[in-house]
Amino acid sequence: MATEFVNKIHPEYPQMIYEALDALQQKEGSNKSSISKYIESKYGNMNDAHSKLLTYHLDRMKQTGELIFLKNNYIKPGPDAPPKRSRGRPPKPKTTLPQGTEIAAPKPRGRPKKDPNAPPTSKKPKPTSVPSDLAPVSKTGRPRGRPRKITPQPPQNGLE
């Protein structure tokens, strides 16, 4: 019931936003606070949800392309308006190729496939392991790698 009362007194929010943008006539557009101040000055004190409704309608109009949001200002789209830089930007026009030109196949991606007619490759032989006594010692004199785990001996008490 309260929304019916508000709608009868005030026009729809998109209409009020367009009126505010027309009346403010700023070249670089108007920000949300200036639009809100204009609407409040023209239509008197608005209800408590005015700021939320204004934000909602501005966002919706921005997403549908009715308004352009540039440098924190809202602008009506026009012939001299800058192009959109987001997902809604129209695609680049494609140039048509003259007749008779052949398009080369695209470059293949990934690892090339194996030749089924190629001879099988031989596997590399594993090097034979060298005993730890003959293993090469590093420059510091210590053997390479992690040292072996040694199990601790139980203490000898002489009771045995």
N, C-alpha and C. Protein backbone atom coordinates (compact mmCIF):
# COMPACT_ATOMS: atom_id res chain seq x y z
N MET A 1 0.82 -1.18 0.00
CA MET A 1 0.00 0.00 0.00
C MET A 1 0.87 1.26 0.00
N ALA A 2 1.99 1.20 0.73
CA ALA A 2 2.87 2.36 0.78
C ALA A 2 3.54 2.60 -0.57
N THR A 3 3.86 1.52 -1.29
CA THR A 3 4.49 1.68 -2.60
C THR A 3 3.51 2.28 -3.61
N GLU A 4 2.22 1.94 -3.50
CA GLU A 4 1.23 2.53 -4.40
C GLU A 4 1.15 4.03 -4.16
N PHE A 5 1.22 4.44 -2.89
CA PHE A 5 1.15 5.85 -2.54
C PHE A 5 2.36 6.61 -3.10
N VAL A 6 3.55 6.03 -3.00
CA VAL A 6 4.76 6.67 -3.49
C VAL A 6 4.71 6.77 -5.01
N ASN A 7 4.26 5.70 -5.69
CA ASN A 7 4.23 5.71 -7.15
C ASN A 7 3.22 6.70 -7.71
N LYS A 8 2.14 6.98 -6.97
CA LYS A 8 1.16 7.93 -7.45
C LYS A 8 1.68 9.36 -7.35
N ILE A 9 2.51 9.63 -6.35
CA ILE A 9 3.01 10.99 -6.17
C ILE A 9 4.20 11.24 -7.09
N HIS A 10 5.14 10.30 -7.15
CA HIS A 10 6.39 10.50 -7.88
C HIS A 10 6.39 9.65 -9.15
N PRO A 11 7.03 10.14 -10.20
CA PRO A 11 7.18 9.28 -11.39
C PRO A 11 8.19 8.17 -11.11
N GLU A 12 8.34 7.29 -12.05
CA GLU A 12 9.26 6.16 -11.89
C GLU A 12 10.69 6.67 -11.76
N TYR A 13 11.52 5.89 -11.12
CA TYR A 13 12.91 6.29 -10.89
C TYR A 13 13.69 6.53 -12.18
N PRO A 14 13.58 5.65 -13.20
CA PRO A 14 14.33 5.96 -14.42
C PRO A 14 13.97 7.32 -15.02
N GLN A 15 12.69 7.67 -14.97
CA GLN A 15 12.26 8.99 -15.48
C GLN A 15 12.88 10.10 -14.64
N MET A 16 12.88 9.93 -13.33
CA MET A 16 13.46 10.96 -12.46
C MET A 16 14.96 11.09 -12.71
N ILE A 17 15.64 9.98 -12.97
CA ILE A 17 17.08 10.02 -13.21
C ILE A 17 17.36 10.75 -14.52
N TYR A 18 16.57 10.45 -15.56
CA TYR A 18 16.75 11.15 -16.84
C TYR A 18 16.50 12.65 -16.69
N GLU A 19 15.46 13.01 -15.92
CA GLU A 19 15.18 14.43 -15.69
C GLU A 19 16.35 15.11 -14.98
N ALA A 20 16.92 14.43 -14.00
CA ALA A 20 18.03 15.00 -13.25
C ALA A 20 19.25 15.19 -14.15
N LEU A 21 19.54 14.21 -15.00
CA LEU A 21 20.68 14.33 -15.90
C LEU A 21 20.47 15.45 -16.92
N ASP A 22 19.22 15.61 -17.40
CA ASP A 22 18.93 16.69 -18.34
C ASP A 22 19.04 18.06 -17.66
N ALA A 23 18.55 18.14 -16.44
CA ALA A 23 18.53 19.44 -15.74
C ALA A 23 19.94 19.84 -15.29
N LEU A 24 20.76 18.89 -14.89
CA LEU A 24 22.10 19.23 -14.39
C LEU A 24 23.03 19.62 -15.54
N GLN A 25 22.85 19.08 -16.71
CA GLN A 25 23.57 19.44 -17.92
C GLN A 25 25.09 19.57 -17.71
N GLN A 26 25.67 18.58 -17.15
CA GLN A 26 27.12 18.58 -16.99
C GLN A 26 27.73 17.74 -18.11
N LYS A 27 28.78 18.26 -18.72
CA LYS A 27 29.38 17.61 -19.87
C LYS A 27 29.93 16.22 -19.52
N GLU A 28 30.63 16.12 -18.39
CA GLU A 28 31.21 14.84 -18.00
C GLU A 28 30.25 13.96 -17.21
N GLY A 29 28.99 14.34 -17.10
CA GLY A 29 27.98 13.54 -16.41
C GLY A 29 27.79 14.00 -14.98
N SER A 30 26.91 13.30 -14.27
CA SER A 30 26.59 13.64 -12.89
C SER A 30 26.77 12.43 -12.01
N ASN A 31 27.25 12.67 -10.80
CA ASN A 31 27.43 11.54 -9.89
C ASN A 31 26.13 11.26 -9.14
N LYS A 32 26.12 10.18 -8.37
CA LYS A 32 24.91 9.72 -7.71
C LYS A 32 24.40 10.74 -6.69
N SER A 33 25.29 11.38 -5.97
CA SER A 33 24.84 12.32 -4.95
C SER A 33 24.18 13.55 -5.57
N SER A 34 24.71 14.04 -6.69
CA SER A 34 24.08 15.21 -7.32
C SER A 34 22.72 14.84 -7.90
N ILE A 35 22.59 13.63 -8.44
CA ILE A 35 21.28 13.17 -8.94
C ILE A 35 20.29 13.06 -7.79
N SER A 36 20.74 12.51 -6.69
CA SER A 36 19.87 12.36 -5.51
C SER A 36 19.44 13.71 -4.97
N LYS A 37 20.35 14.67 -4.88
CA LYS A 37 20.01 16.01 -4.38
C LYS A 37 19.00 16.69 -5.29
N TYR A 38 19.16 16.52 -6.62
CA TYR A 38 18.22 17.14 -7.54
C TYR A 38 16.83 16.55 -7.36
N ILE A 39 16.75 15.21 -7.25
CA ILE A 39 15.44 14.55 -7.09
C ILE A 39 14.79 14.99 -5.79
N GLU A 40 15.56 15.07 -4.71
CA GLU A 40 14.99 15.51 -3.43
C GLU A 40 14.54 16.96 -3.47
N SER A 41 15.29 17.80 -4.20
CA SER A 41 14.88 19.21 -4.28
C SER A 41 13.62 19.38 -5.12
N LYS A 42 13.46 18.56 -6.14
CA LYS A 42 12.29 18.69 -7.01
C LYS A 42 11.05 18.05 -6.40
N TYR A 43 11.18 16.87 -5.83
CA TYR A 43 10.03 16.11 -5.33
C TYR A 43 9.88 16.16 -3.82
N GLY A 44 10.65 16.94 -3.13
CA GLY A 44 10.53 17.06 -1.68
C GLY A 44 11.22 15.90 -0.99
N ASN A 45 10.94 15.75 0.28
CA ASN A 45 11.57 14.68 1.06
C ASN A 45 11.10 13.33 0.55
N MET A 46 12.03 12.49 0.24
CA MET A 46 11.72 11.14 -0.23
C MET A 46 11.70 10.20 0.97
N ASN A 47 11.20 8.99 0.74
CA ASN A 47 11.12 8.02 1.84
C ASN A 47 12.53 7.51 2.19
N ASP A 48 12.59 6.66 3.21
CA ASP A 48 13.87 6.18 3.71
C ASP A 48 14.61 5.29 2.69
N ALA A 49 13.86 4.63 1.84
CA ALA A 49 14.47 3.71 0.88
C ALA A 49 14.92 4.41 -0.40
N HIS A 50 14.89 5.74 -0.41
CA HIS A 50 15.23 6.49 -1.62
C HIS A 50 16.65 6.20 -2.09
N SER A 51 17.62 6.19 -1.19
CA SER A 51 19.02 5.98 -1.61
C SER A 51 19.21 4.56 -2.14
N LYS A 52 18.56 3.58 -1.51
CA LYS A 52 18.69 2.20 -1.98
C LYS A 52 18.02 2.03 -3.35
N LEU A 53 16.84 2.63 -3.51
CA LEU A 53 16.15 2.53 -4.80
C LEU A 53 16.93 3.23 -5.90
N LEU A 54 17.50 4.38 -5.58
CA LEU A 54 18.27 5.12 -6.57
C LEU A 54 19.50 4.30 -6.99
N THR A 55 20.18 3.72 -6.04
CA THR A 55 21.35 2.89 -6.34
C THR A 55 20.96 1.70 -7.20
N TYR A 56 19.85 1.06 -6.85
CA TYR A 56 19.38 -0.10 -7.60
C TYR A 56 19.06 0.27 -9.05
N HIS A 57 18.33 1.35 -9.24
CA HIS A 57 17.94 1.75 -10.59
C HIS A 57 19.14 2.24 -11.41
N LEU A 58 20.07 2.94 -10.78
CA LEU A 58 21.26 3.37 -11.50
C LEU A 58 22.08 2.17 -11.96
N ASP A 59 22.23 1.17 -11.10
CA ASP A 59 22.97 -0.03 -11.47
C ASP A 59 22.28 -0.79 -12.59
N ARG A 60 20.96 -0.92 -12.49
CA ARG A 60 20.21 -1.64 -13.52
C ARG A 60 20.29 -0.91 -14.86
N MET A 61 20.17 0.42 -14.83
CA MET A 61 20.26 1.19 -16.07
C MET A 61 21.67 1.13 -16.65
N LYS A 62 22.66 1.04 -15.80
CA LYS A 62 24.04 0.92 -16.26
C LYS A 62 24.26 -0.43 -16.94
N GLN A 63 23.70 -1.50 -16.36
CA GLN A 63 23.89 -2.84 -16.91
C GLN A 63 23.13 -3.01 -18.22
N THR A 64 21.97 -2.39 -18.36
CA THR A 64 21.20 -2.54 -19.59
C THR A 64 21.70 -1.61 -20.68
N GLY A 65 22.57 -0.67 -20.35
CA GLY A 65 23.11 0.22 -21.37
C GLY A 65 22.35 1.51 -21.52
N GLU A 66 21.36 1.76 -20.65
CA GLU A 66 20.62 3.01 -20.72
C GLU A 66 21.48 4.18 -20.26
N LEU A 67 22.43 3.91 -19.36
CA LEU A 67 23.36 4.92 -18.87
C LEU A 67 24.78 4.39 -19.02
N ILE A 68 25.72 5.32 -19.14
CA ILE A 68 27.14 4.96 -19.17
C ILE A 68 27.77 5.47 -17.89
N PHE A 69 28.55 4.61 -17.24
CA PHE A 69 29.22 4.97 -16.00
C PHE A 69 30.69 5.18 -16.32
N LEU A 70 31.14 6.45 -16.22
CA LEU A 70 32.51 6.78 -16.58
C LEU A 70 33.07 7.76 -15.56
N LYS A 71 34.18 7.40 -14.95
CA LYS A 71 34.86 8.24 -13.95
C LYS A 71 33.90 8.66 -12.83
N ASN A 72 33.17 7.70 -12.30
CA ASN A 72 32.26 7.90 -11.18
C ASN A 72 31.10 8.83 -11.52
N ASN A 73 30.79 8.98 -12.80
CA ASN A 73 29.67 9.82 -13.24
C ASN A 73 28.79 9.01 -14.19
N TYR A 74 27.49 9.35 -14.16
CA TYR A 74 26.53 8.71 -15.04
C TYR A 74 26.24 9.65 -16.20
N ILE A 75 26.28 9.09 -17.42
CA ILE A 75 26.08 9.88 -18.64
C ILE A 75 25.04 9.17 -19.49
N LYS A 76 24.19 9.96 -20.15
CA LYS A 76 23.26 9.38 -21.12
C LYS A 76 24.07 9.01 -22.37
N PRO A 77 23.85 7.82 -22.91
CA PRO A 77 24.61 7.46 -24.12
C PRO A 77 24.15 8.32 -25.29
N GLY A 78 25.10 8.71 -26.09
CA GLY A 78 24.80 9.52 -27.25
C GLY A 78 25.77 9.21 -28.36
N PRO A 79 25.64 9.91 -29.47
CA PRO A 79 26.56 9.63 -30.58
C PRO A 79 28.01 9.99 -30.26
N ASP A 80 28.21 10.97 -29.39
CA ASP A 80 29.58 11.37 -29.05
C ASP A 80 30.08 10.72 -27.77
N ALA A 81 29.31 9.80 -27.20
CA ALA A 81 29.71 9.14 -25.95
C ALA A 81 30.84 8.15 -26.22
N PRO A 82 31.76 7.99 -25.28
CA PRO A 82 32.86 7.03 -25.48
C PRO A 82 32.32 5.60 -25.53
N PRO A 83 32.99 4.68 -26.24
CA PRO A 83 32.50 3.30 -26.31
C PRO A 83 32.65 2.61 -24.97
N LYS A 84 31.79 1.63 -24.76
CA LYS A 84 31.85 0.87 -23.52
C LYS A 84 33.10 0.02 -23.49
N ARG A 85 33.72 -0.10 -22.34
CA ARG A 85 34.96 -0.86 -22.21
C ARG A 85 34.75 -2.16 -21.44
N SER A 86 33.53 -2.56 -21.24
CA SER A 86 33.29 -3.76 -20.44
C SER A 86 32.74 -4.86 -21.33
N ARG A 87 32.10 -5.84 -20.75
CA ARG A 87 31.60 -7.00 -21.50
C ARG A 87 30.54 -6.61 -22.50
N GLY A 88 29.85 -5.51 -22.30
CA GLY A 88 28.79 -5.11 -23.20
C GLY A 88 29.29 -4.41 -24.44
N ARG A 89 30.60 -4.28 -24.58
CA ARG A 89 31.15 -3.57 -25.73
C ARG A 89 30.88 -4.37 -27.01
N PRO A 90 30.44 -3.70 -28.06
CA PRO A 90 30.15 -4.44 -29.29
C PRO A 90 31.43 -4.99 -29.91
N PRO A 91 31.34 -6.10 -30.63
CA PRO A 91 32.54 -6.68 -31.23
C PRO A 91 33.06 -5.82 -32.37
N LYS A 92 34.34 -6.00 -32.66
CA LYS A 92 34.95 -5.26 -33.76
C LYS A 92 34.34 -5.72 -35.08
N PRO A 93 34.20 -4.79 -36.03
CA PRO A 93 33.67 -5.21 -37.33
C PRO A 93 34.69 -6.09 -38.06
N LYS A 94 34.20 -7.15 -38.69
CA LYS A 94 35.09 -8.07 -39.38
C LYS A 94 35.23 -7.63 -40.83
N THR A 95 36.46 -7.66 -41.30
CA THR A 95 36.69 -7.29 -42.69
C THR A 95 36.50 -8.52 -43.57
N THR A 96 35.87 -8.33 -44.71
CA THR A 96 35.65 -9.45 -45.61
C THR A 96 36.89 -9.63 -46.49
N LEU A 97 37.27 -10.87 -46.72
CA LEU A 97 38.41 -11.17 -47.55
C LEU A 97 38.00 -11.19 -49.02
N PRO A 98 38.88 -10.78 -49.92
CA PRO A 98 38.53 -10.85 -51.33
C PRO A 98 38.36 -12.30 -51.77
N GLN A 99 37.53 -12.49 -52.79
CA GLN A 99 37.27 -13.85 -53.26
C GLN A 99 38.53 -14.44 -53.87
N GLY A 100 38.68 -15.74 -53.68
CA GLY A 100 39.84 -16.42 -54.24
C GLY A 100 40.98 -16.59 -53.24
N THR A 101 40.92 -15.93 -52.10
CA THR A 101 41.98 -16.10 -51.10
C THR A 101 41.69 -17.34 -50.27
N GLU A 102 42.72 -18.11 -50.06
CA GLU A 102 42.57 -19.32 -49.27
C GLU A 102 43.12 -19.07 -47.87
N ILE A 103 42.41 -19.57 -46.93
CA ILE A 103 42.82 -19.41 -45.53
C ILE A 103 43.63 -20.63 -45.14
N ALA A 104 44.81 -20.40 -44.59
CA ALA A 104 45.67 -21.50 -44.16
C ALA A 104 45.08 -22.16 -42.92
N ALA A 105 45.38 -23.44 -42.77
CA ALA A 105 44.90 -24.17 -41.60
C ALA A 105 45.55 -23.58 -40.36
N PRO A 106 44.83 -23.54 -39.25
CA PRO A 106 45.43 -22.98 -38.04
C PRO A 106 46.58 -23.85 -37.55
N LYS A 107 47.50 -23.23 -36.85
CA LYS A 107 48.66 -23.93 -36.31
C LYS A 107 48.19 -24.94 -35.27
N PRO A 108 48.67 -26.19 -35.37
CA PRO A 108 48.21 -27.18 -34.40
C PRO A 108 48.73 -26.86 -33.00
N ARG A 109 47.94 -27.23 -32.02
CA ARG A 109 48.31 -26.96 -30.63
C ARG A 109 48.66 -28.27 -29.93
N GLY A 110 49.50 -28.16 -28.94
CA GLY A 110 49.84 -29.32 -28.13
C GLY A 110 50.97 -30.14 -28.72
N ARG A 111 51.18 -31.29 -28.15
CA ARG A 111 52.26 -32.17 -28.57
C ARG A 111 51.89 -32.87 -29.87
N PRO A 112 52.83 -32.97 -30.81
CA PRO A 112 52.49 -33.65 -32.07
C PRO A 112 52.23 -35.13 -31.84
N LYS A 113 51.39 -35.70 -32.69
CA LYS A 113 51.05 -37.12 -32.55
C LYS A 113 52.21 -37.99 -33.02
N LYS A 114 52.29 -39.19 -32.46
CA LYS A 114 53.35 -40.13 -32.84
C LYS A 114 53.08 -40.67 -34.23
N ASP A 115 54.18 -40.93 -34.95
CA ASP A 115 54.07 -41.51 -36.28
C ASP A 115 53.86 -43.01 -36.12
N PRO A 116 52.75 -43.55 -36.62
CA PRO A 116 52.51 -44.99 -36.42
C PRO A 116 53.49 -45.85 -37.22
N ASN A 117 54.11 -45.29 -38.25
CA ASN A 117 55.04 -46.07 -39.06
C ASN A 117 56.48 -46.00 -38.55
N ALA A 118 56.75 -45.21 -37.54
CA ALA A 118 58.10 -45.04 -37.03
C ALA A 118 58.53 -46.29 -36.29
N PRO A 119 59.84 -46.64 -36.35
CA PRO A 119 60.32 -47.83 -35.62
C PRO A 119 60.28 -47.55 -34.12
N PRO A 120 60.09 -48.60 -33.31
CA PRO A 120 60.05 -48.38 -31.86
C PRO A 120 61.41 -47.93 -31.34
N THR A 121 61.38 -47.08 -30.36
CA THR A 121 62.62 -46.58 -29.78
C THR A 121 63.07 -47.50 -28.67
N SER A 122 64.40 -47.65 -28.52
CA SER A 122 64.93 -48.50 -27.46
C SER A 122 64.99 -47.69 -26.17
N LYS A 123 64.76 -48.37 -25.06
CA LYS A 123 64.80 -47.70 -23.77
C LYS A 123 66.23 -47.56 -23.31
N LYS A 124 66.50 -46.52 -22.56
CA LYS A 124 67.85 -46.30 -22.04
C LYS A 124 68.14 -47.30 -20.93
N PRO A 125 69.33 -47.89 -20.91
CA PRO A 125 69.64 -48.83 -19.82
C PRO A 125 69.89 -48.04 -18.53
N LYS A 126 69.45 -48.64 -17.42
CA LYS A 126 69.65 -48.01 -16.13
C LYS A 126 71.11 -48.16 -15.72
N PRO A 127 71.68 -47.13 -15.12
CA PRO A 127 73.07 -47.27 -14.66
C PRO A 127 73.13 -48.22 -13.47
N THR A 128 74.18 -48.99 -13.41
CA THR A 128 74.34 -49.93 -12.30
C THR A 128 74.67 -49.16 -11.04
N SER A 129 74.12 -49.61 -9.95
CA SER A 129 74.35 -48.91 -8.69
C SER A 129 75.76 -49.19 -8.18
N VAL A 130 76.34 -48.20 -7.58
CA VAL A 130 77.70 -48.29 -7.06
C VAL A 130 77.59 -48.48 -5.55
N PRO A 131 78.38 -49.39 -4.94
CA PRO A 131 78.33 -49.54 -3.48
C PRO A 131 78.66 -48.21 -2.79
N SER A 132 78.12 -48.04 -1.60
CA SER A 132 78.29 -46.77 -0.89
C SER A 132 79.75 -46.48 -0.58
N ASP A 133 80.58 -47.53 -0.49
CA ASP A 133 82.00 -47.30 -0.22
C ASP A 133 82.68 -46.63 -1.41
N LEU A 134 82.22 -46.97 -2.62
CA LEU A 134 82.83 -46.44 -3.82
C LEU A 134 82.08 -45.23 -4.38
N ALA A 135 81.01 -44.82 -3.71
CA ALA A 135 80.21 -43.70 -4.19
C ALA A 135 81.06 -42.44 -4.19
N PRO A 136 80.86 -41.59 -5.19
CA PRO A 136 81.67 -40.37 -5.23
C PRO A 136 81.37 -39.48 -4.03
N VAL A 137 82.41 -38.93 -3.49
CA VAL A 137 82.29 -38.07 -2.32
C VAL A 137 82.29 -36.62 -2.80
N SER A 138 81.49 -35.81 -2.18
CA SER A 138 81.40 -34.42 -2.61
C SER A 138 82.65 -33.65 -2.18
N LYS A 139 82.71 -32.40 -2.53
CA LYS A 139 83.88 -31.56 -2.25
C LYS A 139 84.10 -31.36 -0.76
N THR A 140 83.02 -31.41 0.01
CA THR A 140 83.14 -31.19 1.45
C THR A 140 83.60 -32.44 2.19
N GLY A 141 83.57 -33.59 1.52
CA GLY A 141 84.00 -34.81 2.18
C GLY A 141 82.84 -35.61 2.73
N ARG A 142 81.68 -35.04 2.74
CA ARG A 142 80.51 -35.76 3.24
C ARG A 142 79.81 -36.42 2.07
N PRO A 143 79.21 -37.59 2.28
CA PRO A 143 78.47 -38.24 1.20
C PRO A 143 77.21 -37.45 0.85
N ARG A 144 76.76 -37.61 -0.39
CA ARG A 144 75.58 -36.88 -0.85
C ARG A 144 74.31 -37.52 -0.31
N GLY A 145 73.25 -36.72 -0.22
CA GLY A 145 71.94 -37.24 0.16
C GLY A 145 71.72 -37.25 1.66
N ARG A 146 70.56 -37.78 2.02
CA ARG A 146 70.18 -37.85 3.43
C ARG A 146 70.92 -39.00 4.11
N PRO A 147 71.43 -38.76 5.33
CA PRO A 147 72.13 -39.85 6.02
C PRO A 147 71.17 -40.97 6.39
N ARG A 148 71.72 -42.17 6.55
CA ARG A 148 70.89 -43.32 6.90
C ARG A 148 70.36 -43.19 8.32
N LYS A 149 69.18 -43.77 8.50
CA LYS A 149 68.57 -43.74 9.82
C LYS A 149 69.17 -44.87 10.65
N ILE A 150 69.65 -44.53 11.82
CA ILE A 150 70.31 -45.51 12.69
C ILE A 150 69.37 -45.79 13.85
N THR A 151 69.12 -47.09 14.10
CA THR A 151 68.26 -47.45 15.22
C THR A 151 69.07 -47.34 16.51
N PRO A 152 68.51 -46.67 17.49
CA PRO A 152 69.28 -46.52 18.75
C PRO A 152 69.43 -47.84 19.48
N GLN A 153 70.58 -48.05 20.11
CA GLN A 153 70.86 -49.26 20.90
C GLN A 153 70.32 -49.06 22.32
N PRO A 154 69.70 -50.09 22.89
CA PRO A 154 69.25 -49.91 24.29
C PRO A 154 70.46 -49.76 25.22
N PRO A 155 70.34 -48.97 26.29
CA PRO A 155 71.48 -48.77 27.18
C PRO A 155 71.89 -50.07 27.89
N GLN A 156 73.19 -50.24 28.08
CA GLN A 156 73.74 -51.42 28.73
C GLN A 156 73.94 -51.09 30.22
N ASN A 157 73.20 -51.75 31.11
CA ASN A 157 73.31 -51.51 32.54
C ASN A 157 74.23 -52.51 33.24
N GLY A 158 74.59 -53.54 32.55
CA GLY A 158 75.42 -54.57 33.16
C GLY A 158 74.59 -55.57 33.93
N LEU A 159 73.28 -55.55 33.82
CA LEU A 159 72.44 -56.48 34.55
C LEU A 159 72.26 -57.79 33.78
N GLU A 160 72.73 -57.86 32.60
CA GLU A 160 72.54 -59.05 31.82
C GLU A 160 73.52 -60.11 32.15
